[in-house]
Amino acid sequence: MSDTEENIVRYIRKPLTEEQIAELKALSERPDSEIDLSDIPELTDEFFENAVQGVSYRRMHKQQTTLRLDMDILHWFKSHAKDGKGYQTDINKALRAYVTAQEKLAAKKAG
């Protein structure tokens, strides 16, 4: 068995209940005019001016690594995490935001 096959998670979806089927049928028959869109912001020209093609969040597998950080940086993330937990996720989010910003800058310069 290859490494790829070992990491495959198989999932068998349960069949929908009669109640779920009825709810989906009712939703599909509802006219678009009855859909409340008030909580969805409009996409303005400004939104599209700042959009960058090809830059999106990619769900990736995490890889364990050792990283040396300045003590004050590590302390800041730990002190801002709830109960000291989740600070590594917060560091990952900060790094992802930086990478995304750099990709946007590079795309603007290129095009």
N, C-alpha and C. Protein backbone atom coordinates (compact mmCIF):
# COMPACT_ATOMS: atom_id res chain seq x y z
N MET A 1 0.85 -1.19 0.00
CA MET A 1 0.00 0.00 0.00
C MET A 1 0.89 1.24 0.00
N SER A 2 0.60 2.18 -0.87
CA SER A 2 1.42 3.39 -0.96
C SER A 2 1.06 4.36 0.15
N ASP A 3 1.93 5.37 0.36
CA ASP A 3 1.67 6.40 1.37
C ASP A 3 0.36 7.13 1.08
N THR A 4 0.09 7.34 -0.20
CA THR A 4 -1.14 8.05 -0.58
C THR A 4 -2.36 7.25 -0.17
N GLU A 5 -2.35 5.95 -0.42
CA GLU A 5 -3.49 5.11 -0.07
C GLU A 5 -3.70 5.05 1.44
N GLU A 6 -2.63 5.08 2.20
CA GLU A 6 -2.75 5.03 3.66
C GLU A 6 -3.45 6.28 4.21
N ASN A 7 -3.36 7.39 3.50
CA ASN A 7 -3.94 8.64 3.98
C ASN A 7 -5.36 8.88 3.47
N ILE A 8 -5.90 7.96 2.72
CA ILE A 8 -7.25 8.13 2.18
C ILE A 8 -8.27 7.81 3.26
N VAL A 9 -9.22 8.71 3.43
CA VAL A 9 -10.32 8.48 4.37
C VAL A 9 -11.56 8.21 3.54
N ARG A 10 -12.14 7.07 3.74
CA ARG A 10 -13.34 6.71 2.99
C ARG A 10 -14.56 7.11 3.81
N TYR A 11 -15.54 7.67 3.13
CA TYR A 11 -16.76 8.13 3.78
C TYR A 11 -17.95 7.71 2.94
N ILE A 12 -18.89 7.07 3.57
CA ILE A 12 -20.12 6.69 2.87
C ILE A 12 -21.24 7.55 3.45
N ARG A 13 -21.82 8.36 2.59
CA ARG A 13 -22.87 9.28 3.02
C ARG A 13 -24.15 8.51 3.30
N LYS A 14 -24.79 8.85 4.42
CA LYS A 14 -26.06 8.23 4.76
C LYS A 14 -27.13 8.77 3.82
N PRO A 15 -28.10 7.93 3.47
CA PRO A 15 -29.19 8.42 2.61
C PRO A 15 -29.99 9.50 3.33
N LEU A 16 -30.56 10.42 2.55
CA LEU A 16 -31.38 11.48 3.13
C LEU A 16 -32.67 10.90 3.69
N THR A 17 -33.13 11.51 4.77
CA THR A 17 -34.41 11.10 5.35
C THR A 17 -35.54 11.69 4.50
N GLU A 18 -36.74 11.17 4.69
CA GLU A 18 -37.91 11.71 3.98
C GLU A 18 -38.09 13.19 4.30
N GLU A 19 -37.86 13.55 5.56
CA GLU A 19 -37.99 14.95 5.98
C GLU A 19 -36.98 15.84 5.25
N GLN A 20 -35.74 15.38 5.13
CA GLN A 20 -34.72 16.15 4.42
C GLN A 20 -35.05 16.29 2.94
N ILE A 21 -35.56 15.22 2.35
CA ILE A 21 -35.94 15.27 0.94
C ILE A 21 -37.07 16.27 0.73
N ALA A 22 -38.06 16.26 1.64
CA ALA A 22 -39.18 17.19 1.53
C ALA A 22 -38.70 18.63 1.69
N GLU A 23 -37.77 18.87 2.61
CA GLU A 23 -37.24 20.22 2.82
C GLU A 23 -36.49 20.71 1.58
N LEU A 24 -35.68 19.86 1.00
CA LEU A 24 -34.94 20.23 -0.22
C LEU A 24 -35.89 20.50 -1.38
N LYS A 25 -36.94 19.70 -1.50
CA LYS A 25 -37.92 19.91 -2.56
C LYS A 25 -38.61 21.26 -2.39
N ALA A 26 -38.99 21.58 -1.14
CA ALA A 26 -39.65 22.86 -0.88
C ALA A 26 -38.71 24.03 -1.20
N LEU A 27 -37.45 23.89 -0.84
CA LEU A 27 -36.48 24.95 -1.14
C LEU A 27 -36.27 25.12 -2.64
N SER A 28 -36.23 24.02 -3.36
CA SER A 28 -36.00 24.11 -4.81
C SER A 28 -37.19 24.74 -5.54
N GLU A 29 -38.37 24.65 -4.94
CA GLU A 29 -39.57 25.22 -5.56
C GLU A 29 -39.79 26.68 -5.17
N ARG A 30 -39.03 27.17 -4.20
CA ARG A 30 -39.19 28.56 -3.74
C ARG A 30 -38.65 29.50 -4.82
N PRO A 31 -39.41 30.53 -5.18
CA PRO A 31 -38.91 31.48 -6.18
C PRO A 31 -37.75 32.32 -5.63
N ASP A 32 -36.87 32.74 -6.52
CA ASP A 32 -35.72 33.54 -6.11
C ASP A 32 -36.12 34.82 -5.39
N SER A 33 -37.27 35.35 -5.74
CA SER A 33 -37.72 36.61 -5.12
C SER A 33 -37.98 36.46 -3.62
N GLU A 34 -38.13 35.24 -3.13
CA GLU A 34 -38.36 35.01 -1.71
C GLU A 34 -37.07 34.79 -0.93
N ILE A 35 -35.95 34.79 -1.60
CA ILE A 35 -34.67 34.57 -0.92
C ILE A 35 -34.19 35.88 -0.34
N ASP A 36 -33.89 35.87 0.96
CA ASP A 36 -33.42 37.07 1.65
C ASP A 36 -31.92 37.22 1.43
N LEU A 37 -31.53 38.24 0.68
CA LEU A 37 -30.13 38.49 0.38
C LEU A 37 -29.57 39.67 1.17
N SER A 38 -30.32 40.14 2.16
CA SER A 38 -29.94 41.36 2.87
C SER A 38 -28.63 41.22 3.65
N ASP A 39 -28.24 40.01 4.00
CA ASP A 39 -27.00 39.83 4.76
C ASP A 39 -25.80 39.56 3.87
N ILE A 40 -25.98 39.63 2.56
CA ILE A 40 -24.89 39.40 1.62
C ILE A 40 -24.46 40.74 1.03
N PRO A 41 -23.21 41.15 1.26
CA PRO A 41 -22.78 42.44 0.72
C PRO A 41 -22.68 42.39 -0.81
N GLU A 42 -22.96 43.54 -1.42
CA GLU A 42 -22.82 43.63 -2.87
C GLU A 42 -21.35 43.64 -3.25
N LEU A 43 -21.04 43.07 -4.40
CA LEU A 43 -19.67 43.09 -4.89
C LEU A 43 -19.50 44.35 -5.72
N THR A 44 -18.75 45.28 -5.16
CA THR A 44 -18.55 46.58 -5.78
C THR A 44 -17.36 46.56 -6.73
N ASP A 45 -17.20 47.64 -7.48
CA ASP A 45 -16.03 47.77 -8.35
C ASP A 45 -14.75 47.73 -7.53
N GLU A 46 -14.79 48.32 -6.33
CA GLU A 46 -13.61 48.33 -5.46
C GLU A 46 -13.20 46.90 -5.10
N PHE A 47 -14.19 46.04 -4.85
CA PHE A 47 -13.89 44.64 -4.54
C PHE A 47 -13.09 44.01 -5.68
N PHE A 48 -13.56 44.21 -6.90
CA PHE A 48 -12.90 43.58 -8.04
C PHE A 48 -11.56 44.23 -8.36
N GLU A 49 -11.38 45.51 -8.02
CA GLU A 49 -10.09 46.16 -8.22
C GLU A 49 -9.03 45.53 -7.33
N ASN A 50 -9.42 45.07 -6.14
CA ASN A 50 -8.48 44.47 -5.19
C ASN A 50 -8.37 42.96 -5.35
N ALA A 51 -9.21 42.37 -6.18
CA ALA A 51 -9.18 40.92 -6.37
C ALA A 51 -7.94 40.53 -7.17
N VAL A 52 -7.39 39.39 -6.84
CA VAL A 52 -6.22 38.89 -7.55
C VAL A 52 -6.54 37.49 -8.05
N GLN A 53 -6.40 37.29 -9.33
CA GLN A 53 -6.70 35.99 -9.92
C GLN A 53 -5.72 34.93 -9.42
N GLY A 54 -6.26 33.80 -9.06
CA GLY A 54 -5.41 32.68 -8.69
C GLY A 54 -4.97 32.65 -7.24
N VAL A 55 -5.26 33.68 -6.48
CA VAL A 55 -4.88 33.69 -5.07
C VAL A 55 -6.10 33.30 -4.26
N SER A 56 -6.02 32.18 -3.62
CA SER A 56 -7.12 31.73 -2.78
C SER A 56 -6.59 30.84 -1.68
N TYR A 57 -7.42 30.62 -0.70
CA TYR A 57 -7.02 29.73 0.39
C TYR A 57 -7.00 28.31 -0.14
N ARG A 58 -5.93 27.64 0.12
CA ARG A 58 -5.82 26.25 -0.28
C ARG A 58 -5.74 25.41 0.98
N ARG A 59 -6.66 24.49 1.10
CA ARG A 59 -6.61 23.61 2.27
C ARG A 59 -5.46 22.63 2.04
N MET A 60 -4.50 22.68 2.91
CA MET A 60 -3.32 21.84 2.74
C MET A 60 -3.11 21.02 4.00
N HIS A 61 -2.40 19.95 3.80
CA HIS A 61 -2.01 19.15 4.95
C HIS A 61 -0.94 19.91 5.70
N LYS A 62 -0.97 19.79 6.99
CA LYS A 62 0.04 20.47 7.79
C LYS A 62 1.26 19.57 7.93
N GLN A 63 2.39 20.20 8.07
CA GLN A 63 3.63 19.46 8.25
C GLN A 63 4.27 19.94 9.53
N GLN A 64 4.62 19.00 10.38
CA GLN A 64 5.26 19.36 11.63
C GLN A 64 6.69 19.81 11.34
N THR A 65 7.09 20.89 11.99
CA THR A 65 8.43 21.41 11.80
C THR A 65 8.90 22.08 13.08
N THR A 66 10.16 22.35 13.15
CA THR A 66 10.71 23.11 14.27
C THR A 66 11.04 24.49 13.74
N LEU A 67 10.61 25.50 14.47
CA LEU A 67 10.79 26.87 14.04
C LEU A 67 11.28 27.69 15.21
N ARG A 68 12.34 28.42 15.02
CA ARG A 68 12.84 29.29 16.09
C ARG A 68 12.24 30.67 15.92
N LEU A 69 11.59 31.14 16.98
CA LEU A 69 10.95 32.45 16.97
C LEU A 69 11.56 33.31 18.06
N ASP A 70 11.53 34.61 17.85
CA ASP A 70 11.94 35.52 18.91
C ASP A 70 11.02 35.31 20.10
N MET A 71 11.59 35.38 21.29
CA MET A 71 10.82 35.10 22.51
C MET A 71 9.61 36.01 22.65
N ASP A 72 9.78 37.29 22.31
CA ASP A 72 8.66 38.21 22.46
C ASP A 72 7.52 37.90 21.49
N ILE A 73 7.87 37.42 20.30
CA ILE A 73 6.85 37.06 19.32
C ILE A 73 6.06 35.86 19.82
N LEU A 74 6.76 34.84 20.26
CA LEU A 74 6.10 33.64 20.77
C LEU A 74 5.23 33.99 21.98
N HIS A 75 5.76 34.80 22.88
CA HIS A 75 4.99 35.21 24.07
C HIS A 75 3.73 35.96 23.66
N TRP A 76 3.83 36.83 22.67
CA TRP A 76 2.66 37.60 22.24
C TRP A 76 1.57 36.67 21.73
N PHE A 77 1.93 35.73 20.86
CA PHE A 77 0.92 34.82 20.32
C PHE A 77 0.32 33.95 21.42
N LYS A 78 1.16 33.44 22.33
CA LYS A 78 0.63 32.61 23.42
C LYS A 78 -0.28 33.42 24.34
N SER A 79 0.10 34.67 24.61
CA SER A 79 -0.70 35.48 25.53
C SER A 79 -2.02 35.92 24.91
N HIS A 80 -2.11 35.93 23.59
CA HIS A 80 -3.35 36.33 22.93
C HIS A 80 -4.24 35.14 22.56
N ALA A 81 -3.76 33.94 22.80
CA ALA A 81 -4.55 32.74 22.51
C ALA A 81 -5.44 32.43 23.71
N LYS A 82 -6.62 31.89 23.44
CA LYS A 82 -7.53 31.53 24.52
C LYS A 82 -6.93 30.39 25.33
N ASP A 83 -6.77 30.59 26.60
CA ASP A 83 -6.21 29.58 27.51
C ASP A 83 -4.85 29.06 27.03
N GLY A 84 -4.13 29.88 26.27
CA GLY A 84 -2.82 29.48 25.78
C GLY A 84 -2.87 28.45 24.66
N LYS A 85 -4.09 28.16 24.18
CA LYS A 85 -4.24 27.14 23.12
C LYS A 85 -4.55 27.83 21.80
N GLY A 86 -4.11 27.23 20.72
CA GLY A 86 -4.40 27.77 19.40
C GLY A 86 -3.37 28.77 18.90
N TYR A 87 -2.32 28.99 19.67
CA TYR A 87 -1.35 30.00 19.24
C TYR A 87 -0.62 29.58 17.97
N GLN A 88 -0.42 28.28 17.79
CA GLN A 88 0.25 27.83 16.57
C GLN A 88 -0.62 28.09 15.35
N THR A 89 -1.92 27.89 15.50
CA THR A 89 -2.86 28.20 14.42
C THR A 89 -2.84 29.69 14.12
N ASP A 90 -2.76 30.51 15.16
CA ASP A 90 -2.70 31.96 14.97
C ASP A 90 -1.43 32.37 14.23
N ILE A 91 -0.31 31.74 14.57
CA ILE A 91 0.95 32.01 13.88
C ILE A 91 0.82 31.61 12.41
N ASN A 92 0.21 30.46 12.15
CA ASN A 92 0.00 30.01 10.77
C ASN A 92 -0.87 30.99 10.00
N LYS A 93 -1.93 31.49 10.64
CA LYS A 93 -2.81 32.48 9.99
C LYS A 93 -2.05 33.76 9.66
N ALA A 94 -1.20 34.20 10.58
CA ALA A 94 -0.41 35.41 10.34
C ALA A 94 0.55 35.21 9.17
N LEU A 95 1.19 34.05 9.13
CA LEU A 95 2.10 33.76 8.03
C LEU A 95 1.34 33.66 6.70
N ARG A 96 0.16 33.03 6.72
CA ARG A 96 -0.64 32.92 5.50
C ARG A 96 -1.07 34.30 5.01
N ALA A 97 -1.46 35.19 5.93
CA ALA A 97 -1.86 36.55 5.55
C ALA A 97 -0.69 37.28 4.90
N TYR A 98 0.51 37.10 5.45
CA TYR A 98 1.69 37.73 4.88
C TYR A 98 1.96 37.20 3.47
N VAL A 99 1.90 35.88 3.31
CA VAL A 99 2.16 35.28 2.00
C VAL A 99 1.12 35.76 0.98
N THR A 100 -0.15 35.79 1.38
CA THR A 100 -1.21 36.25 0.49
C THR A 100 -0.98 37.70 0.07
N ALA A 101 -0.59 38.54 1.02
CA ALA A 101 -0.31 39.95 0.71
C ALA A 101 0.85 40.07 -0.27
N GLN A 102 1.89 39.26 -0.08
CA GLN A 102 3.04 39.29 -0.98
C GLN A 102 2.64 38.81 -2.38
N GLU A 103 1.78 37.79 -2.45
CA GLU A 103 1.31 37.31 -3.75
C GLU A 103 0.51 38.38 -4.47
N LYS A 104 -0.33 39.11 -3.73
CA LYS A 104 -1.11 40.19 -4.33
C LYS A 104 -0.20 41.29 -4.86
N LEU A 105 0.82 41.66 -4.08
CA LEU A 105 1.77 42.68 -4.53
C LEU A 105 2.49 42.24 -5.80
N ALA A 106 2.92 40.99 -5.82
CA ALA A 106 3.63 40.47 -6.99
C ALA A 106 2.71 40.45 -8.21
N ALA A 107 1.46 40.09 -8.00
CA ALA A 107 0.51 40.05 -9.12
C ALA A 107 0.23 41.45 -9.65
N LYS A 108 0.14 42.44 -8.76
CA LYS A 108 -0.10 43.82 -9.20
C LYS A 108 1.10 44.34 -10.00
N LYS A 109 2.31 44.00 -9.53
CA LYS A 109 3.51 44.45 -10.24
C LYS A 109 3.60 43.79 -11.62
N ALA A 110 3.18 42.54 -11.70
CA ALA A 110 3.28 41.80 -12.95
C ALA A 110 2.21 42.20 -13.96
N GLY A 111 1.08 42.66 -13.45
CA GLY A 111 0.03 42.86 -14.42
C GLY A 111 -0.71 44.09 -14.32
